Amino acid sequence: MGFFDHLQKGGAFSLQPQKAQVRKVVQARPAPSAKSASQTPVGSPRIPSSSDRNRKTSALKARSVSSDLDTRPTKRLNTPTRARKRPTPEQRLSSDDDDDDVGDSDTSFEVRKRARTSASAEPDPERRIRSVKAFSEEASRPFKMVHAADISSGQKAGKFKPAFGAQGKSAQILLQYPSASQKERFDCMVPRDNDDFRPVDDIVHVIETVSENYIPEDESAEFNDETNGIRRRLRRSVAVSSESQFREAIADYNKAIDRLRTNGSLANHLDQTQRIGLPWVERILTQIYARTVSPRVESLRQYENGTDNVYGELLPRFISNIFKETKLKSGQVFVDLGSGVGNVVLQAALEVGCESWGCEMMTNACDLAELQQAEFKARCRLWGIAPGKTHLVRGDFLEQESIVNVLKRADVILINNQAFTPQLNNELINHFLDMKEGCKIVSLKSFVPAGHKIQSRNLNSPINLLKVQQKNYWSNSVSWTDVGGTYFIATKDSSRLKAFSDGTL
């Protein structure tokens, strides 16, 4: 499964109200942050799978480039390998900024999905994306990471078969990333189950991501030429099921990357980049998720329904939009209360470059979060990126001293309180008193009741310090439903309370 890849596969799904839905997990079919919160609506929890992530992704191609390449050597790449399910009609809130509304419609809802819009964080002039260490000689030393070949070998080898119609297992493929780091090992295999990890897809998507984000304009033809560029050759080799052509394209890619890294072109281009786009973010996080969480996703079944400890994820595009709405920047502090397997914590550190904290109390989710964090550091090194610092804390976020302290200096706090009990929501409100002025609190349920007004009888309530905006999120934003909904951004603003006390409100 992939932090986003796997959450996105064509077609809609329906919830089973009393049972967590777990699908087989593993590969990324582009595009993984999803939010890994520790809650979903009570009674309708959902554990996202790799196939879920593929469905909800927005950035890369919607279907696998390697699908059935071993049995259908002449299939065109742009031909679906199976009929897509017709998406379930979904309610969509109308919005003043919609460009695609029907002009003469007088209804407040439309039964269709909202057109996708750009969700990547705004450029940050202060952000330094390149990791100097990753491009140094020191980076060439071997380091611990989960290779793609580790997923398709060992005990799981029986779930894969040779790609390109080969009769036996072929030699491994070594893939160079933009940095000076070690190459990643891939088996030239395809999964027996289409929902599992797809090594050939991963190779193609890595090369496409590198071609789109690391290559200077004057060198781009070798990679992006529509007739004989490396990307075109790769996809053509898959279309005609030619392993030799596939390997030749990868060998030429590796040589080109080595040359451009050695002469400094890759580093210089990365130094001129001020943001990491969402498809790029999703590719990296998907790889991490596929190598750590997906093989162990069954452990997330173990939650207690009807409590605060229910598992669900906010997906990467939604989270990226939250970063934009809150204007989160690299020099700031982000905190995720109920961080699950750590998806959002990692996304904030990667996409924004900020100091990023998460706190989770479910043991299984914490174990997976730590695996993700370790692989996150390795993947950032491969991709040559310097992320923000990440901190994952185990325990109750109301009691952990490190979390209580960081909340006092946090700039953006995310609380997926969709399934929190009223008691927990009320306990959280008391912590707002210690948060700094201007801090933004993002939640799925508002902490301030609709129509609330400051009055003498409620003068001491912490919610009087909050100025709330209601926002819409659209389909494919959360793991437990395809339908859109609302979320809230509460900003700590003492001016209204002061104005009331001064008699000027």
Protein backbone atom coordinates (compact mmCIF):
# COMPACT_ATOMS: atom_id res chain seq x y z
CA MET A 1 0.00 0.00 0.00
CA GLY A 2 1.30 3.39 -0.37
CA PHE A 3 0.85 6.43 1.60
CA PHE A 4 -1.13 7.63 -1.27
CA ASP A 5 -0.56 5.41 -3.99
CA HIS A 6 -2.32 2.69 -2.31
CA LEU A 7 -5.09 4.83 -1.18
CA GLN A 8 -5.96 5.45 -4.73
CA LYS A 9 -7.44 3.08 -7.11
CA GLY A 10 -10.21 3.72 -9.58
CA GLY A 11 -13.76 3.26 -8.41
CA ALA A 12 -15.68 4.05 -5.27
CA PHE A 13 -16.25 2.00 -2.15
CA SER A 14 -18.92 1.76 0.49
CA LEU A 15 -18.43 1.49 4.23
CA GLN A 16 -19.47 -1.45 6.33
CA PRO A 17 -20.62 0.18 9.55
CA GLN A 18 -19.45 -2.37 12.09
CA LYS A 19 -16.34 -3.79 10.51
CA ALA A 20 -12.94 -2.35 9.61
CA GLN A 21 -12.24 -2.88 5.92
CA VAL A 22 -8.73 -4.10 5.25
CA ARG A 23 -7.50 -4.89 1.78
CA LYS A 24 -4.25 -6.40 0.63
CA VAL A 25 -1.58 -3.83 0.62
CA VAL A 26 1.62 -3.03 -0.95
CA GLN A 27 2.45 -1.03 -4.00
CA ALA A 28 2.24 2.46 -4.98
CA ARG A 29 0.44 3.38 -8.07
CA PRO A 30 1.16 7.01 -8.01
CA ALA A 31 0.73 9.41 -6.24
CA PRO A 32 1.22 8.77 0.00
CA SER A 33 -0.12 11.97 3.31
CA ALA A 34 -2.55 11.59 3.98
CA LYS A 35 -3.14 11.84 7.36
CA SER A 36 -2.62 9.04 9.58
CA ALA A 37 -4.79 10.03 12.43
CA SER A 38 -5.82 7.66 15.12
CA GLN A 39 -9.51 8.28 14.64
CA THR A 40 -12.35 7.81 12.18
CA PRO A 41 -16.05 8.24 12.69
CA VAL A 42 -17.28 5.87 15.37
CA GLY A 43 -19.06 2.93 13.82
CA SER A 44 -17.42 3.34 10.42
CA PRO A 45 -13.68 2.87 10.83
CA ARG A 46 -11.58 2.06 7.81
CA ILE A 47 -8.02 0.92 7.51
CA PRO A 48 -6.71 2.22 4.20
CA SER A 49 -5.04 -0.23 1.89
CA SER A 50 -2.68 0.07 -0.97
CA SER A 51 -5.53 -0.12 -3.42
CA ASP A 52 -7.34 2.65 -1.52
CA ARG A 53 -4.34 4.91 -1.75
CA ASN A 54 -4.09 4.39 -5.48
CA ARG A 55 -7.68 5.45 -5.93
CA LYS A 56 -7.40 8.73 -4.08
CA THR A 57 -4.07 9.84 -5.52
CA SER A 58 -4.09 12.91 -7.66
CA ALA A 59 -0.73 13.35 -9.15
CA LEU A 60 0.61 10.55 -11.32
CA LYS A 61 -1.07 8.20 -13.76
CA ALA A 62 -4.29 6.53 -12.65
CA ARG A 63 -3.34 2.99 -13.58
CA SER A 64 -0.36 0.71 -13.45
CA VAL A 65 2.08 0.92 -16.34
CA SER A 66 3.06 -2.70 -15.84
CA SER A 67 -0.39 -4.24 -15.49
CA ASP A 68 -0.46 -7.67 -17.08
CA LEU A 69 2.74 -6.98 -19.01
CA ASP A 70 3.67 -10.63 -18.70
CA THR A 71 0.52 -11.90 -20.39
CA ARG A 72 -0.48 -9.07 -22.73
CA PRO A 73 2.74 -7.99 -24.49
CA THR A 74 1.02 -5.92 -27.17
CA LYS A 75 -1.40 -3.96 -24.97
CA ARG A 76 -1.25 -0.21 -25.38
CA LEU A 77 -0.27 1.72 -22.28
CA ASN A 78 -3.27 3.99 -22.49
CA THR A 79 -5.71 1.11 -22.63
CA PRO A 80 -7.27 0.27 -19.26
CA THR A 81 -6.52 -3.30 -18.19
CA ARG A 82 -10.07 -3.58 -16.89
CA ALA A 83 -13.20 -1.54 -17.01
CA ARG A 84 -13.23 1.24 -14.46
CA LYS A 85 -16.12 1.29 -12.07
CA ARG A 86 -18.36 4.25 -12.44
CA PRO A 87 -17.76 6.48 -9.42
CA THR A 88 -20.58 6.58 -6.94
CA PRO A 89 -22.39 9.94 -7.26
CA GLU A 90 -21.34 12.17 -4.41
CA GLN A 91 -22.75 15.31 -2.88
CA ARG A 92 -20.59 18.31 -3.37
CA LEU A 93 -20.99 21.54 -1.51
CA SER A 94 -21.23 24.55 -3.77
CA SER A 95 -18.50 27.13 -3.29
CA ASP A 96 -18.04 30.72 -4.33
CA ASP A 97 -14.69 29.93 -5.87
CA ASP A 98 -15.91 27.05 -8.04
CA ASP A 99 -15.07 27.52 -11.68
CA ASP A 100 -16.99 24.53 -12.89
CA ASP A 101 -20.49 25.13 -11.51
CA VAL A 102 -23.39 24.92 -13.90
CA GLY A 103 -24.43 28.48 -14.59
CA ASP A 104 -28.18 28.08 -14.38
CA SER A 105 -28.21 25.66 -11.48
CA ASP A 106 -30.06 26.94 -8.43
CA THR A 107 -29.27 24.04 -6.12
CA SER A 108 -26.79 24.17 -3.22
CA PHE A 109 -25.49 20.67 -3.91
CA GLU A 110 -24.30 18.89 -6.98
CA VAL A 111 -24.12 15.13 -7.34
CA ARG A 112 -20.63 14.94 -8.72
CA LYS A 113 -17.04 15.17 -7.67
CA ARG A 114 -15.31 18.49 -7.41
CA ALA A 115 -12.69 19.17 -10.03
CA ARG A 116 -9.22 18.75 -8.64
CA THR A 117 -7.23 21.86 -7.86
CA SER A 118 -3.61 22.40 -7.02
CA ALA A 119 -2.91 21.60 -3.41
CA SER A 120 0.86 21.88 -3.12
CA ALA A 121 2.22 24.21 -0.47
CA GLU A 122 3.13 27.73 -1.59
CA PRO A 123 6.77 28.49 -2.50
CA ASP A 124 8.87 29.27 0.57
CA PRO A 125 11.92 31.45 -0.15
CA GLU A 126 13.43 30.44 3.20
CA ARG A 127 13.20 26.72 2.47
CA ARG A 128 16.41 24.95 1.57
CA ILE A 129 15.38 21.72 -0.10
CA ARG A 130 18.70 20.10 -0.99
CA SER A 131 20.55 17.98 1.52
CA VAL A 132 24.22 18.93 1.23
CA LYS A 133 25.21 15.70 2.95
CA ALA A 134 23.26 13.58 0.45
CA PHE A 135 25.31 15.02 -2.42
CA SER A 136 28.67 14.62 -0.66
CA GLU A 137 31.16 11.74 -0.90
CA GLU A 138 30.05 10.64 2.57
CA ALA A 139 26.59 9.85 1.16
CA SER A 140 27.97 7.01 -0.97
CA ARG A 141 28.51 4.85 2.10
CA PRO A 142 25.91 2.08 2.50
CA PHE A 143 23.08 2.76 4.94
CA LYS A 144 20.08 0.84 6.19
CA MET A 145 16.94 1.02 4.06
CA VAL A 146 14.20 -1.28 2.78
CA HIS A 147 14.99 -2.11 -0.84
CA ALA A 148 12.19 -2.89 -3.26
CA ALA A 149 13.76 -6.33 -3.67
CA ASP A 150 13.21 -6.97 0.04
CA ILE A 151 9.45 -6.80 -0.56
CA SER A 152 9.37 -9.23 -3.49
CA SER A 153 11.81 -11.82 -2.09
CA GLY A 154 12.08 -14.05 0.96
CA GLN A 155 8.80 -15.25 2.44
CA LYS A 156 6.80 -13.10 0.02
CA ALA A 157 8.50 -14.40 -3.12
CA GLY A 158 5.53 -16.63 -3.90
CA LYS A 159 3.32 -13.57 -4.36
CA PHE A 160 5.37 -12.45 -7.38
CA LYS A 161 6.21 -13.82 -10.83
CA PRO A 162 8.76 -12.80 -13.47
CA ALA A 163 7.87 -9.73 -15.48
CA PHE A 164 7.89 -9.47 -19.27
CA GLY A 165 6.83 -13.11 -19.63
CA ALA A 166 10.24 -14.40 -18.53
CA GLN A 167 10.49 -18.07 -17.60
CA GLY A 168 12.73 -17.59 -14.58
CA LYS A 169 13.83 -14.90 -12.18
CA SER A 170 16.03 -12.31 -13.89
CA ALA A 171 19.00 -10.47 -12.44
CA GLN A 172 18.16 -7.61 -10.12
CA ILE A 173 17.94 -4.05 -11.39
CA LEU A 174 19.94 -1.31 -9.66
CA LEU A 175 18.35 2.15 -9.77
CA GLN A 176 20.23 5.35 -9.06
CA TYR A 177 18.48 8.21 -7.25
CA PRO A 178 19.50 11.89 -7.73
CA SER A 179 21.85 11.97 -4.73
CA ALA A 180 25.25 10.33 -4.29
CA SER A 181 23.62 7.60 -2.20
CA GLN A 182 23.61 3.88 -2.89
CA LYS A 183 21.44 2.41 -5.63
CA GLU A 184 18.18 0.65 -4.77
CA ARG A 185 17.78 -3.04 -5.62
CA PHE A 186 14.68 -4.13 -7.56
CA ASP A 187 13.50 -7.55 -8.68
CA CYS A 188 12.13 -7.56 -12.22
CA MET A 189 8.84 -9.05 -11.05
CA VAL A 190 5.12 -8.37 -11.12
CA PRO A 191 2.62 -9.29 -8.38
CA ARG A 192 0.18 -12.15 -8.79
CA ASP A 193 -2.41 -9.97 -7.08
CA ASN A 194 -2.83 -6.61 -8.82
CA ASP A 195 -3.22 -4.83 -5.48
CA ASP A 196 0.26 -5.82 -4.33
CA PHE A 197 3.56 -3.98 -4.71
CA ARG A 198 4.58 -3.45 -8.35
CA PRO A 199 8.37 -3.11 -8.71
CA VAL A 200 8.24 -2.19 -12.41
CA ASP A 201 5.77 0.61 -11.70
CA ASP A 202 7.94 1.93 -8.90
CA ILE A 203 10.97 2.13 -11.20
CA VAL A 204 9.02 3.98 -13.90
CA HIS A 205 7.51 6.44 -11.44
CA VAL A 206 10.86 7.16 -9.77
CA ILE A 207 12.44 7.98 -13.12
CA GLU A 208 9.48 10.14 -14.12
CA THR A 209 9.60 12.04 -10.82
CA VAL A 210 13.34 12.64 -11.19
CA SER A 211 12.87 13.75 -14.80
CA GLU A 212 10.17 16.24 -13.82
CA ASN A 213 11.87 17.75 -10.77
CA TYR A 214 15.66 17.39 -10.91
CA ILE A 215 16.75 17.84 -14.51
CA PRO A 216 17.81 21.29 -15.80
CA GLU A 217 15.98 22.56 -18.87
CA ASP A 218 19.03 22.31 -21.13
CA GLU A 219 19.43 18.62 -20.25
CA SER A 220 15.76 17.62 -20.27
CA ALA A 221 15.55 16.31 -23.85
CA GLU A 222 17.48 13.16 -22.97
CA PHE A 223 14.81 12.34 -20.41
CA ASN A 224 11.63 13.92 -21.72
CA ASP A 225 11.80 13.86 -25.50
CA GLU A 226 8.45 12.47 -26.65
CA THR A 227 10.04 10.24 -29.28
CA ASN A 228 13.27 8.86 -27.83
CA GLY A 229 13.53 10.25 -24.30
CA ILE A 230 14.27 7.82 -21.48
CA ARG A 231 10.75 8.13 -20.09
CA ARG A 232 9.23 7.35 -23.48
CA ARG A 233 11.56 4.40 -23.98
CA LEU A 234 10.65 2.98 -20.60
CA ARG A 235 6.94 3.04 -21.27
CA ARG A 236 7.40 1.72 -24.79
CA SER A 237 9.41 -1.23 -23.44
CA VAL A 238 6.57 -2.05 -21.06
CA ALA A 239 4.00 -1.69 -23.85
CA VAL A 240 5.81 -4.21 -26.06
CA SER A 241 6.90 -6.35 -23.08
CA SER A 242 10.61 -6.09 -23.83
CA GLU A 243 12.80 -6.66 -20.79
CA SER A 244 15.98 -5.91 -22.75
CA GLN A 245 14.68 -2.49 -23.84
CA PHE A 246 13.51 -1.81 -20.27
CA ARG A 247 16.95 -2.56 -18.85
CA GLU A 248 18.71 -0.53 -21.56
CA ALA A 249 16.58 2.53 -20.73
CA ILE A 250 17.37 2.16 -17.02
CA ALA A 251 21.10 1.78 -17.73
CA ASP A 252 21.05 4.98 -19.79
CA TYR A 253 19.12 6.74 -17.03
CA ASN A 254 21.66 5.67 -14.39
CA LYS A 255 24.55 6.93 -16.55
CA ALA A 256 22.82 10.28 -17.17
CA ILE A 257 22.09 10.78 -13.47
CA ASP A 258 25.67 9.96 -12.51
CA ARG A 259 26.95 12.48 -15.07
CA LEU A 260 24.57 15.27 -14.01
CA ARG A 261 25.28 14.69 -10.33
CA THR A 262 29.04 14.69 -10.88
CA ASN A 263 29.03 17.97 -12.81
CA GLY A 264 26.77 19.62 -10.21
CA SER A 265 23.71 20.10 -12.43
CA LEU A 266 21.31 18.23 -10.16
CA ALA A 267 22.43 20.04 -7.02
CA ASN A 268 22.26 23.45 -8.71
CA HIS A 269 18.78 22.80 -10.04
CA LEU A 270 17.57 21.62 -6.63
CA ASP A 271 19.05 24.73 -5.00
CA GLN A 272 16.83 26.88 -7.23
CA THR A 273 13.70 25.00 -6.20
CA GLN A 274 11.52 26.60 -3.52
CA ARG A 275 8.85 23.97 -3.00
CA ILE A 276 8.23 20.26 -3.31
CA GLY A 277 5.09 19.66 -5.37
CA LEU A 278 2.42 17.27 -4.15
CA PRO A 279 3.06 14.51 -6.76
CA TRP A 280 6.72 14.53 -5.76
CA VAL A 281 5.77 14.37 -2.08
CA GLU A 282 3.34 11.54 -2.71
CA ARG A 283 5.91 9.51 -4.63
CA ILE A 284 8.37 9.57 -1.73
CA LEU A 285 5.81 8.95 1.01
CA THR A 286 4.20 6.18 -1.03
CA GLN A 287 7.53 4.39 -1.23
CA ILE A 288 7.95 4.68 2.53
CA TYR A 289 4.44 3.43 3.27
CA ALA A 290 4.74 0.50 0.84
CA ARG A 291 7.93 -0.70 2.51
CA THR A 292 6.86 -0.34 6.14
CA VAL A 293 3.13 -0.07 6.83
CA SER A 294 1.62 -2.06 3.97
CA PRO A 295 3.18 -5.41 4.86
CA ARG A 296 1.91 -4.99 8.44
CA VAL A 297 -1.37 -3.18 7.90
CA GLU A 298 -3.40 -6.01 9.44
CA SER A 299 -2.17 -4.91 12.87
CA LEU A 300 -4.26 -1.75 12.57
CA ARG A 301 -7.41 -3.85 12.93
CA GLN A 302 -6.79 -3.97 16.65
CA TYR A 303 -8.72 -0.97 17.87
CA GLU A 304 -11.68 -0.70 20.20
CA ASN A 305 -14.76 0.56 18.39
CA GLY A 306 -16.72 3.26 20.19
CA THR A 307 -13.67 4.79 21.86
CA ASP A 308 -11.25 7.59 21.02
CA ASN A 309 -8.84 4.97 19.64
CA VAL A 310 -10.20 4.42 16.14
CA TYR A 311 -8.01 4.53 13.06
CA GLY A 312 -8.52 6.59 9.90
CA GLU A 313 -6.42 8.76 7.60
CA LEU A 314 -6.64 12.23 6.14
CA LEU A 315 -5.23 11.92 2.64
CA PRO A 316 -2.25 13.84 1.24
CA ARG A 317 -4.11 16.27 -1.02
CA PHE A 318 -6.36 17.30 1.86
CA ILE A 319 -3.37 17.71 4.16
CA SER A 320 -1.48 19.70 1.54
CA ASN A 321 -4.46 22.02 1.23
CA ILE A 322 -4.44 22.48 5.02
CA PHE A 323 -0.80 23.53 4.80
CA LYS A 324 -1.80 26.17 2.24
CA GLU A 325 -4.82 27.40 4.18
CA THR A 326 -2.82 27.81 7.39
CA LYS A 327 0.21 29.27 5.54
CA LEU A 328 2.53 26.81 7.28
CA LYS A 329 6.19 27.59 6.52
CA SER A 330 9.55 25.89 7.00
CA GLY A 331 10.52 27.97 10.04
CA GLN A 332 7.39 27.03 11.98
CA VAL A 333 6.18 24.19 14.20
CA PHE A 334 3.49 21.66 13.26
CA VAL A 335 1.83 19.25 15.70
CA ASP A 336 -0.50 16.33 14.91
CA LEU A 337 -2.47 15.13 17.93
CA GLY A 338 -3.47 11.53 17.28
CA SER A 339 -0.85 10.97 14.59
CA GLY A 340 -1.51 7.28 13.88
CA VAL A 341 1.24 5.77 11.73
CA GLY A 342 2.84 9.18 11.27
CA ASN A 343 1.81 9.99 7.70
CA VAL A 344 0.97 13.65 8.29
CA VAL A 345 4.00 14.28 10.49
CA LEU A 346 6.24 13.04 7.70
CA GLN A 347 4.33 14.94 5.02
CA ALA A 348 4.71 18.23 6.89
CA ALA A 349 8.45 17.70 7.36
CA LEU A 350 8.91 16.77 3.69
CA GLU A 351 6.53 19.11 1.89
CA VAL A 352 6.92 22.18 4.10
CA GLY A 353 10.27 21.50 5.78
CA CYS A 354 9.00 22.55 9.20
CA GLU A 355 9.63 21.08 12.63
CA SER A 356 6.99 18.38 12.83
CA TRP A 357 5.59 16.58 15.88
CA GLY A 358 3.10 13.78 16.36
CA CYS A 359 1.64 11.99 19.35
CA GLU A 360 -0.18 8.65 19.31
CA MET A 361 -1.22 6.23 22.04
CA MET A 362 -2.19 3.11 20.06
CA THR A 363 0.78 0.71 20.32
CA ASN A 364 0.47 -0.88 16.88
CA ALA A 365 0.18 2.48 15.14
CA CYS A 366 3.21 3.78 17.09
CA ASP A 367 5.30 0.77 16.04
CA LEU A 368 4.48 1.39 12.38
CA ALA A 369 5.12 5.12 12.76
CA GLU A 370 8.64 4.42 13.99
CA LEU A 371 9.29 2.14 11.03
CA GLN A 372 8.08 4.88 8.71
CA GLN A 373 10.25 7.48 10.40
CA ALA A 374 13.38 5.35 9.95
CA GLU A 375 12.61 4.71 6.28
CA PHE A 376 11.70 8.39 5.84
CA LYS A 377 15.24 9.42 6.77
CA ALA A 378 16.69 6.89 4.32
CA ARG A 379 14.36 7.92 1.48
CA CYS A 380 15.07 11.62 1.96
CA ARG A 381 18.76 10.77 1.70
CA LEU A 382 18.16 8.85 -1.55
CA TRP A 383 16.19 11.72 -3.04
CA GLY A 384 18.71 14.30 -1.80
CA ILE A 385 16.18 16.26 0.25
CA ALA A 386 16.63 17.94 3.63
CA PRO A 387 13.32 17.58 5.52
CA GLY A 388 12.27 19.26 8.71
CA LYS A 389 12.97 17.48 11.98
CA THR A 390 10.38 14.88 12.97
CA HIS A 391 9.40 13.89 16.52
CA LEU A 392 7.05 10.98 17.24
CA VAL A 393 5.85 10.65 20.82
CA ARG A 394 4.07 7.65 22.33
CA GLY A 395 1.30 8.18 24.83
CA ASP A 396 -1.65 10.40 25.72
CA PHE A 397 -1.16 13.85 24.20
CA LEU A 398 -2.90 15.41 27.20
CA GLU A 399 -0.27 13.98 29.53
CA GLN A 400 3.03 13.80 27.62
CA GLU A 401 5.22 16.65 28.87
CA SER A 402 7.05 17.06 25.55
CA ILE A 403 3.73 17.53 23.73
CA VAL A 404 2.34 19.89 26.36
CA ASN A 405 5.48 22.00 25.96
CA VAL A 406 5.57 22.01 22.16
CA LEU A 407 1.89 23.04 22.00
CA LYS A 408 2.90 26.33 23.63
CA ARG A 409 5.06 27.24 20.65
CA ALA A 410 3.15 25.47 17.86
CA ASP A 411 2.02 27.45 14.80
CA VAL A 412 -0.38 24.84 13.39
CA ILE A 413 -2.05 22.01 15.30
CA LEU A 414 -4.01 19.27 13.57
CA ILE A 415 -6.63 17.35 15.53
CA ASN A 416 -8.63 14.71 13.70
CA ASN A 417 -11.38 14.74 16.33
CA GLN A 418 -14.01 13.22 14.06
CA ALA A 419 -14.48 10.31 16.44
CA PHE A 420 -13.35 11.87 19.73
CA THR A 421 -15.72 11.59 22.65
CA PRO A 422 -17.23 14.87 23.96
CA GLN A 423 -15.17 14.43 27.12
CA LEU A 424 -11.89 14.34 25.21
CA ASN A 425 -12.86 17.35 23.10
CA ASN A 426 -13.67 19.31 26.27
CA GLU A 427 -10.35 18.36 27.86
CA LEU A 428 -8.54 19.56 24.77
CA ILE A 429 -10.22 22.96 24.95
CA ASN A 430 -8.49 23.72 28.25
CA HIS A 431 -5.10 23.43 26.53
CA PHE A 432 -5.98 26.28 24.19
CA LEU A 433 -5.28 28.73 27.02
CA ASP A 434 -1.55 27.98 26.82
CA MET A 435 -1.23 28.16 23.04
CA LYS A 436 0.43 31.23 21.58
CA GLU A 437 -1.45 34.04 19.91
CA GLY A 438 -2.07 33.33 16.22
CA CYS A 439 -1.76 29.56 16.58
CA LYS A 440 -4.09 27.76 14.16
CA ILE A 441 -6.00 24.64 15.24
CA VAL A 442 -7.38 22.49 12.42
CA SER A 443 -10.12 20.01 13.33
CA LEU A 444 -12.91 18.04 11.69
CA LYS A 445 -15.36 19.06 14.40
CA SER A 446 -15.48 22.63 15.63
CA PHE A 447 -14.54 23.34 19.23
CA VAL A 448 -16.73 26.44 19.11
CA PRO A 449 -20.52 25.80 18.90
CA ALA A 450 -22.34 27.41 15.99
CA GLY A 451 -23.72 30.83 16.96
CA HIS A 452 -21.51 31.14 20.05
CA LYS A 453 -21.26 34.68 21.44
CA ILE A 454 -19.12 36.08 24.22
CA GLN A 455 -21.31 36.91 27.20
CA SER A 456 -20.74 37.70 30.84
CA ARG A 457 -21.82 34.23 31.91
CA ASN A 458 -19.27 32.47 29.67
CA LEU A 459 -16.49 35.03 29.98
CA ASN A 460 -13.97 32.50 31.32
CA SER A 461 -14.51 29.89 28.59
CA PRO A 462 -11.35 29.13 26.55
CA ILE A 463 -13.38 29.02 23.34
CA ASN A 464 -13.76 32.79 23.55
CA LEU A 465 -10.13 32.96 22.48
CA LEU A 466 -10.85 31.25 19.16
CA LYS A 467 -11.83 32.78 15.84
CA VAL A 468 -13.24 30.00 13.65
CA GLN A 469 -13.49 29.54 9.91
CA GLN A 470 -15.46 26.69 8.35
CA LYS A 471 -13.95 25.13 5.23
CA ASN A 472 -15.02 22.44 2.79
CA TYR A 473 -13.09 19.34 1.90
CA TRP A 474 -14.06 17.43 -1.19
CA SER A 475 -14.24 13.81 -2.29
CA ASN A 476 -11.18 11.59 -1.85
CA SER A 477 -9.94 13.57 1.15
CA VAL A 478 -10.34 11.02 3.97
CA SER A 479 -9.92 7.26 4.11
CA TRP A 480 -13.30 6.36 5.59
CA THR A 481 -15.55 7.84 2.91
CA ASP A 482 -15.47 9.23 -0.63
CA VAL A 483 -17.94 11.96 0.26
CA GLY A 484 -16.76 15.50 1.05
CA GLY A 485 -17.49 17.37 4.25
CA THR A 486 -16.39 20.29 6.39
CA TYR A 487 -13.43 21.08 8.59
CA PHE A 488 -12.56 24.04 10.79
CA ILE A 489 -9.59 26.33 11.30
CA ALA A 490 -9.64 28.03 14.70
CA THR A 491 -7.13 30.83 15.25
CA LYS A 492 -6.22 31.91 18.75
CA ASP A 493 -7.20 35.57 18.80
CA SER A 494 -7.67 37.33 22.15
CA SER A 495 -8.75 40.63 20.60
CA ARG A 496 -12.50 39.89 20.68
CA LEU A 497 -12.40 38.90 24.34
CA LYS A 498 -10.39 42.01 25.14
CA ALA A 499 -12.85 44.14 23.18
CA PHE A 500 -15.76 42.63 25.12
CA SER A 501 -14.02 43.29 28.42
CA ASP A 502 -13.32 46.90 27.33
CA GLY A 503 -16.91 47.33 26.28
CA THR A 504 -16.02 47.99 22.64
CA LEU A 505 -17.45 44.74 21.22
